Amino acid sequence: MLLIPCPWCGDRDETEFHYGGQAHVAYPQSPDALSDAQWAEYLFVRDNPKGEFAERWCHNAGCRRWFNLVRDTATHQIVVQR
């Protein structure tokens, strides 16, 4: 089990959370100018590194707030909370 540190509720079991994907994905500046292929890339293509990765999490079973943290994808160790 992964112990996730919620900034508002403290350390909780991973079953209380919902994974929100990669953090810091910028919305396109000119969305009307994007082709279908560019929209598909924006919506579905994300980094998949081995190592530290910034992620979004929502504490569904607690405060229901979203937050970012950095987790090592190889060890599942939470490195930094942002």
Protein backbone atom coordinates (compact mmCIF):
# COMPACT_ATOMS: atom_id res chain seq x y z
CA MET A 1 0.00 0.00 0.00
CA LEU A 2 1.05 3.52 -0.76
CA LEU A 3 0.78 6.08 2.03
CA ILE A 4 -0.08 9.45 0.46
CA PRO A 5 0.42 12.69 2.42
CA CYS A 6 -2.67 14.86 1.96
CA PRO A 7 -1.67 18.50 2.65
CA TRP A 8 -4.89 19.05 4.62
CA CYS A 9 -5.66 15.65 6.21
CA GLY A 10 -2.19 14.15 6.73
CA ASP A 11 -0.95 10.71 5.70
CA ARG A 12 -3.68 8.43 4.37
CA ASP A 13 -3.96 5.10 2.57
CA GLU A 14 -3.93 5.22 -1.25
CA THR A 15 -7.46 3.75 -1.40
CA GLU A 16 -8.79 7.14 -0.24
CA PHE A 17 -7.40 8.91 -3.31
CA HIS A 18 -8.06 9.26 -7.03
CA TYR A 19 -5.10 9.55 -9.40
CA GLY A 20 -5.40 12.56 -11.69
CA GLY A 21 -2.49 12.01 -14.05
CA GLN A 22 0.48 14.15 -14.91
CA ALA A 23 0.70 17.52 -13.17
CA HIS A 24 1.47 20.84 -14.84
CA VAL A 25 -0.01 20.05 -18.29
CA ALA A 26 -0.60 23.45 -19.87
CA TYR A 27 -3.88 24.13 -21.69
CA PRO A 28 -3.26 25.08 -25.35
CA GLN A 29 -3.03 28.84 -25.94
CA SER A 30 -5.05 28.70 -29.17
CA PRO A 31 -7.35 25.68 -28.82
CA ASP A 32 -9.39 26.63 -31.91
CA ALA A 33 -6.26 26.40 -34.06
CA LEU A 34 -5.45 22.79 -33.10
CA SER A 35 -6.00 19.92 -35.48
CA ASP A 36 -7.72 16.74 -34.34
CA ALA A 37 -4.33 15.04 -34.03
CA GLN A 38 -2.99 17.89 -31.87
CA TRP A 39 -6.10 17.73 -29.64
CA ALA A 40 -5.65 13.97 -29.28
CA GLU A 41 -2.03 14.49 -28.27
CA TYR A 42 -3.01 17.15 -25.71
CA LEU A 43 -5.75 14.96 -24.21
CA PHE A 44 -4.14 11.53 -24.21
CA VAL A 45 -0.34 11.65 -24.58
CA ARG A 46 1.54 12.02 -21.31
CA ASP A 47 5.09 11.45 -20.13
CA ASN A 48 5.84 8.01 -18.69
CA PRO A 49 9.27 8.30 -17.07
CA LYS A 50 11.05 5.87 -14.84
CA GLY A 51 11.94 8.00 -11.85
CA GLU A 52 10.56 11.21 -10.39
CA PHE A 53 7.23 12.33 -11.85
CA ALA A 54 4.88 15.20 -10.89
CA GLU A 55 1.33 13.90 -10.38
CA ARG A 56 -2.15 15.18 -9.47
CA TRP A 57 -4.14 13.46 -6.73
CA CYS A 58 -7.60 14.04 -5.24
CA HIS A 59 -8.44 12.99 -1.68
CA ASN A 60 -11.89 11.60 -2.54
CA ALA A 61 -12.57 9.92 0.80
CA GLY A 62 -11.39 12.92 2.81
CA CYS A 63 -11.28 16.63 2.09
CA ARG A 64 -11.99 16.12 -1.66
CA ARG A 65 -9.22 18.57 -2.61
CA TRP A 66 -6.72 18.24 -5.47
CA PHE A 67 -2.98 18.57 -4.91
CA ASN A 68 0.32 17.86 -6.65
CA LEU A 69 3.16 15.67 -5.48
CA VAL A 70 6.33 14.16 -6.95
CA ARG A 71 6.54 10.37 -6.81
CA ASP A 72 9.30 8.04 -7.97
CA THR A 73 7.57 5.71 -10.43
CA ALA A 74 10.13 2.95 -9.92
CA THR A 75 9.99 2.81 -6.11
CA HIS A 76 6.62 4.54 -5.48
CA GLN A 77 8.39 6.69 -2.88
CA ILE A 78 6.88 10.16 -2.55
CA VAL A 79 9.76 12.57 -3.00
CA VAL A 80 8.24 16.06 -2.65
CA GLN A 81 4.80 17.46 -2.11
CA ARG A 82 3.89 20.60 -4.06
